[in-house]
C-alpha cells in the first residue's frame, strides 16, 4: 500500500508517473489491466489516455474508434461502478465496443469511477479483470481507501493539461519541511484533529492515516468510522474506513 500511495503522489506531480501508478494499482487490486482516460467535454475527443496491462496495445483503437461507442464510461460518477452490474447482458451482446474491444483485450469485467469532472474535462479510471477471473472481495474496499489520493492526482493532471499551477506543484509546497496534515475521525459524530502532524508528502500522510485506521480497528468501538486526512487548507487527501 505504501508503494501505491507513493506512486499516486508522484502522479500528482508528473503525468509521466501515471503508468507506474496504474501498474502498482493493478498489483494491489490483483487485476490484469487499468486505464485512465481524459475526455474533452467540448469536442468529445480523448485528450489524454494511459492504458496498462491487457488493454495497453489496444489504446489507439479505443481512442480512434471505440470511445465513441462506449456505453459504460458515460454512466460513471463518483461511485465505483462495475460494468457487469450496470449494463444488461442483452445490451452487451449487441455492443460493438464490448465484443470487438473489451473481449478482444481479454477483459471480463471493469470496475470504474469518475475521478474528477470540470466544465472542460472529465477524468475516468477503470481497472480490468481478465476473462476467467473475478474481482477479489477486497477490491472495492481498496478503491475506497485510495479514492482521495486518486482524485487529488487526477485534479493535478487536469491543472497541468489546462496550463495551470497544480495543487501538488513543488513550487507551492515546502520540500524541506513538508506540510501539516490533519487526521479527523468521523461518522456522523466528528472528532477533529486540531494539531495535525508534519509529513513530507500527501502520500506519506495518507499512509499514516491508514496506520491510524488499522490501530483503531483493534478497538471495536470505532468500527464503521473513517479516518479523514486533510491538508492545511482543509482539502481531503484520503478517507480510510475503519473496519473491525
Protein backbone atom coordinates (compact mmCIF):
# COMPACT_ATOMS: atom_id res chain seq x y z
CA UNK A 1 0.00 0.00 0.00
CA UNK A 2 2.81 2.45 0.84
CA UNK A 3 4.33 1.95 -2.61
CA UNK A 4 0.97 2.62 -4.26
CA UNK A 5 0.34 5.80 -2.26
CA UNK A 6 3.85 6.98 -3.07
CA UNK A 7 3.35 6.49 -6.81
CA UNK A 8 -0.01 8.31 -6.64
CA UNK A 9 1.79 11.24 -5.05
CA UNK A 10 4.31 11.10 -7.91
CA UNK A 11 1.41 11.08 -10.40
CA UNK A 12 0.08 14.26 -8.78
CA UNK A 13 3.40 15.92 -9.58
CA UNK A 14 4.06 14.48 -13.04
CA UNK A 15 1.91 12.89 -15.76
CA UNK A 16 4.87 10.65 -16.59
CA UNK A 17 4.31 8.81 -13.28
CA UNK A 18 0.78 7.64 -14.16
CA UNK A 19 1.83 4.38 -15.90
CA UNK A 20 3.79 3.32 -12.82
CA UNK A 21 0.90 4.33 -10.54
CA UNK A 22 -1.54 2.24 -12.59
CA UNK A 23 0.82 -0.74 -12.52
CA UNK A 24 1.06 -0.50 -8.71
CA UNK A 25 -2.73 -0.25 -8.54
CA UNK A 26 -3.03 -3.39 -10.68
CA UNK A 27 -0.72 -5.24 -8.30
CA UNK A 28 -2.64 -4.14 -5.17
CA UNK A 29 -6.04 -4.92 -6.70
CA UNK A 30 -4.91 -8.21 -8.29
CA UNK A 31 -6.24 -7.16 -11.70
CA UNK A 32 -4.83 -7.51 -15.19
CA UNK A 33 -5.30 -4.01 -16.59
CA UNK A 34 -6.12 -0.37 -15.91
CA UNK A 35 -6.90 2.76 -17.91
CA UNK A 36 -7.00 6.48 -17.15
CA UNK A 37 -8.96 8.49 -19.74
CA UNK A 38 -9.27 12.28 -20.04
CA UNK A 39 -12.22 13.34 -22.21
CA UNK A 40 -12.62 16.84 -23.65
CA UNK A 41 -16.25 17.73 -22.94
CA UNK A 42 -16.30 20.44 -25.61
CA UNK A 43 -15.08 18.31 -28.52
CA UNK A 44 -15.98 14.85 -27.20
CA UNK A 45 -12.47 13.68 -28.07
CA UNK A 46 -9.99 11.85 -25.83
CA UNK A 47 -7.32 14.41 -24.93
CA UNK A 48 -5.13 12.05 -22.90
CA UNK A 49 -5.18 8.33 -22.08
CA UNK A 50 -2.95 5.91 -20.19
CA UNK A 51 -3.62 2.19 -20.75
CA UNK A 52 -1.73 -0.57 -18.90
CA UNK A 53 -1.88 -4.33 -18.88
CA UNK A 54 -4.34 -6.21 -21.08
CA UNK A 55 -5.62 -3.17 -22.97
CA UNK A 56 -2.28 -1.37 -23.46
CA UNK A 57 -1.77 -2.30 -27.11
CA UNK A 58 -5.43 -1.53 -27.88
CA UNK A 59 -5.28 2.11 -26.76
CA UNK A 60 -5.12 3.60 -30.31
CA UNK A 61 -8.19 1.58 -31.34
CA UNK A 62 -10.13 2.83 -28.34
CA UNK A 63 -9.16 6.48 -28.83
CA UNK A 64 -9.78 6.47 -32.58
CA UNK A 65 -12.96 4.41 -32.76
CA UNK A 66 -14.39 2.62 -29.73
CA UNK A 67 -14.54 5.61 -27.35
CA UNK A 68 -17.48 6.95 -29.35
CA UNK A 69 -19.28 3.59 -28.98
CA UNK A 70 -18.56 3.11 -25.26
CA UNK A 71 -21.87 2.79 -23.33
CA UNK A 72 -20.16 2.31 -19.96
CA UNK A 73 -18.00 5.42 -19.47
CA UNK A 74 -20.93 7.91 -19.63
CA UNK A 75 -22.52 6.07 -16.67
CA UNK A 76 -19.57 6.65 -14.35
CA UNK A 77 -19.79 9.11 -11.48
CA UNK A 78 -18.01 9.48 -8.13
CA UNK A 79 -19.05 5.94 -7.13
CA UNK A 80 -17.14 2.80 -8.15
CA UNK A 81 -19.37 1.06 -10.69
CA UNK A 82 -18.88 -2.46 -12.07
CA UNK A 83 -19.63 -2.97 -15.76
CA UNK A 84 -21.35 -6.32 -15.18
CA UNK A 85 -23.73 -4.74 -12.66
CA UNK A 86 -24.79 -1.64 -14.59
CA UNK A 87 -25.39 -2.85 -18.16
CA UNK A 88 -27.59 -5.84 -19.06
CA UNK A 89 -26.08 -8.82 -20.85
CA UNK A 90 -28.53 -8.38 -23.74
CA UNK A 91 -27.12 -4.91 -24.43
CA UNK A 92 -23.51 -6.08 -24.12
CA UNK A 93 -24.11 -8.95 -26.55
CA UNK A 94 -25.14 -6.37 -29.16
CA UNK A 95 -22.37 -3.88 -28.34
CA UNK A 96 -19.54 -3.50 -30.85
CA UNK A 97 -17.49 -1.82 -28.08
CA UNK A 98 -17.90 -4.80 -25.76
CA UNK A 99 -17.49 -7.60 -28.29
CA UNK A 100 -14.76 -6.17 -30.50
CA UNK A 101 -12.83 -4.12 -27.95
CA UNK A 102 -13.39 -5.28 -24.36
CA UNK A 103 -13.45 -9.01 -25.07
CA UNK A 104 -10.68 -8.68 -27.66
CA UNK A 105 -8.46 -7.22 -24.94
CA UNK A 106 -9.10 -10.34 -22.87
CA UNK A 107 -11.13 -8.37 -20.32
CA UNK A 108 -14.07 -9.97 -18.48
CA UNK A 109 -15.23 -7.09 -16.28
CA UNK A 110 -14.37 -3.46 -15.42
CA UNK A 111 -14.62 -1.53 -12.16
CA UNK A 112 -14.61 2.20 -12.87
CA UNK A 113 -15.23 5.67 -11.48
CA UNK A 114 -15.11 9.31 -12.48
CA UNK A 115 -12.13 10.78 -10.65
CA UNK A 116 -12.87 14.42 -11.43
CA UNK A 117 -15.22 16.46 -13.60
CA UNK A 118 -14.85 20.10 -14.66
CA UNK A 119 -16.54 22.35 -17.19
CA UNK A 120 -13.99 21.31 -19.80
CA UNK A 121 -12.85 17.79 -18.97
CA UNK A 122 -13.81 14.52 -17.33
CA UNK A 123 -11.26 12.03 -15.96
CA UNK A 124 -12.29 8.41 -15.52
CA UNK A 125 -10.39 5.39 -14.25
CA UNK A 126 -11.14 1.72 -14.79
CA UNK A 127 -9.44 -1.43 -13.56
CA UNK A 128 -9.85 -4.53 -15.70
CA UNK A 129 -10.15 -8.19 -14.74
CA UNK A 130 -9.20 -10.83 -17.26
CA UNK A 131 -11.57 -13.41 -18.75
CA UNK A 132 -11.81 -16.39 -16.42
CA UNK A 133 -11.11 -14.36 -13.27
CA UNK A 134 -13.28 -12.42 -10.82
CA UNK A 135 -12.52 -9.28 -8.84
CA UNK A 136 -11.38 -10.09 -5.31
CA UNK A 137 -13.74 -9.42 -2.40
CA UNK A 138 -11.39 -6.69 -1.13
CA UNK A 139 -11.09 -4.68 -4.35
CA UNK A 140 -13.89 -2.22 -3.60
CA UNK A 141 -12.52 -1.55 -0.08
CA UNK A 142 -9.10 -0.89 -1.61
CA UNK A 143 -10.60 1.57 -4.09
CA UNK A 144 -12.48 3.38 -1.33
CA UNK A 145 -9.26 3.65 0.68
CA UNK A 146 -7.25 5.23 -2.13
CA UNK A 147 -10.10 7.21 -3.74
CA UNK A 148 -9.00 10.63 -2.50
CA UNK A 149 -5.29 10.26 -3.47
CA UNK A 150 -6.51 9.15 -6.91
CA UNK A 151 -8.84 12.14 -7.23
CA UNK A 152 -6.14 14.51 -6.00
CA UNK A 153 -3.71 13.21 -8.63
CA UNK A 154 -6.39 13.48 -11.34
CA UNK A 155 -7.13 17.12 -10.41
CA UNK A 156 -3.43 17.90 -10.70
CA UNK A 157 -3.39 16.16 -14.09
CA UNK A 158 -6.15 18.46 -15.34
CA UNK A 159 -4.42 21.53 -13.90
CA UNK A 160 -1.30 20.71 -15.93
CA UNK A 161 -3.38 19.95 -19.03
CA UNK A 162 -5.02 23.36 -18.71
CA UNK A 163 -1.70 25.12 -18.19
CA UNK A 164 -2.39 25.98 -14.57
CA UNK A 165 -0.23 25.50 -11.48
CA UNK A 166 -1.41 22.23 -9.96
CA UNK A 167 -2.29 21.74 -6.32
CA UNK A 168 0.69 19.44 -5.89
CA UNK A 169 3.20 21.65 -7.72
CA UNK A 170 6.57 21.62 -5.92
CA UNK A 171 6.61 25.43 -6.10
CA UNK A 172 3.58 25.59 -3.81
CA UNK A 173 4.96 23.29 -1.12
CA UNK A 174 7.90 23.29 1.21
CA UNK A 175 10.10 20.38 0.10
CA UNK A 176 12.38 20.72 3.11
CA UNK A 177 9.81 20.96 5.89
CA UNK A 178 6.90 19.18 4.23
CA UNK A 179 3.34 20.15 5.09
CA UNK A 180 0.98 19.81 8.03
CA UNK A 181 -1.78 17.24 7.70
CA UNK A 182 -4.76 16.56 9.95
CA UNK A 183 -6.32 13.21 10.87
CA UNK A 184 -10.02 13.55 11.69
CA UNK A 185 -12.20 10.68 12.92
CA UNK A 186 -15.80 10.91 11.79
CA UNK A 187 -19.01 9.08 11.05
CA UNK A 188 -21.91 11.34 11.93
CA UNK A 189 -20.02 12.15 15.12
CA UNK A 190 -16.81 14.09 14.46
CA UNK A 191 -13.53 14.01 16.34
CA UNK A 192 -11.44 16.71 14.65
CA UNK A 193 -7.65 16.77 14.77
CA UNK A 194 -6.77 20.31 15.88
CA UNK A 195 -2.96 19.99 15.88
CA UNK A 196 -2.03 17.83 12.92
CA UNK A 197 1.40 16.46 12.06
CA UNK A 198 4.08 17.34 9.51
CA UNK A 199 4.80 14.90 6.67
CA UNK A 200 7.00 15.30 3.58
CA UNK A 201 4.17 14.49 1.15
CA UNK A 202 0.42 13.83 0.89
CA UNK A 203 1.23 10.19 0.10
CA UNK A 204 3.06 9.69 3.39
CA UNK A 205 0.25 11.45 5.28
CA UNK A 206 -2.26 9.11 3.61
CA UNK A 207 -0.16 6.12 4.64
CA UNK A 208 -0.17 7.39 8.25
CA UNK A 209 -3.96 7.70 8.04
CA UNK A 210 -4.11 4.03 7.05
CA UNK A 211 -1.93 3.15 10.04
CA UNK A 212 -4.26 5.05 12.38
CA UNK A 213 -7.29 3.25 10.90
CA UNK A 214 -5.65 -0.14 11.46
CA UNK A 215 -4.83 0.74 15.06
CA UNK A 216 -8.38 1.92 15.76
CA UNK A 217 -9.80 -1.19 14.08
CA UNK A 218 -8.47 -3.22 17.03
CA UNK A 219 -10.99 -1.37 19.18
CA UNK A 220 -14.47 -2.43 18.01
CA UNK A 221 -15.96 0.86 19.27
CA UNK A 222 -14.56 2.61 16.17
CA UNK A 223 -15.82 0.13 13.57
CA UNK A 224 -17.72 1.97 10.82
CA UNK A 225 -15.92 5.28 11.36
CA UNK A 226 -13.36 6.75 8.96
CA UNK A 227 -10.01 8.49 9.26
CA UNK A 228 -10.19 11.60 7.07
CA UNK A 229 -6.80 13.07 6.19
CA UNK A 230 -6.79 16.75 5.17
CA UNK A 231 -4.12 19.29 4.34
CA UNK A 232 -3.65 22.74 5.88
CA UNK A 233 -6.27 24.24 3.56
CA UNK A 234 -8.87 21.65 4.54
CA UNK A 235 -8.66 19.68 1.28
CA UNK A 236 -9.28 15.95 1.69
CA UNK A 237 -6.26 13.78 0.87
CA UNK A 238 -7.86 10.43 1.66
CA UNK A 239 -10.70 8.84 3.61
CA UNK A 240 -9.84 5.47 5.18
CA UNK A 241 -12.71 3.30 6.52
CA UNK A 242 -12.11 1.74 9.95
CA UNK A 243 -13.01 -1.91 9.55
CA UNK A 244 -13.00 -4.30 12.52
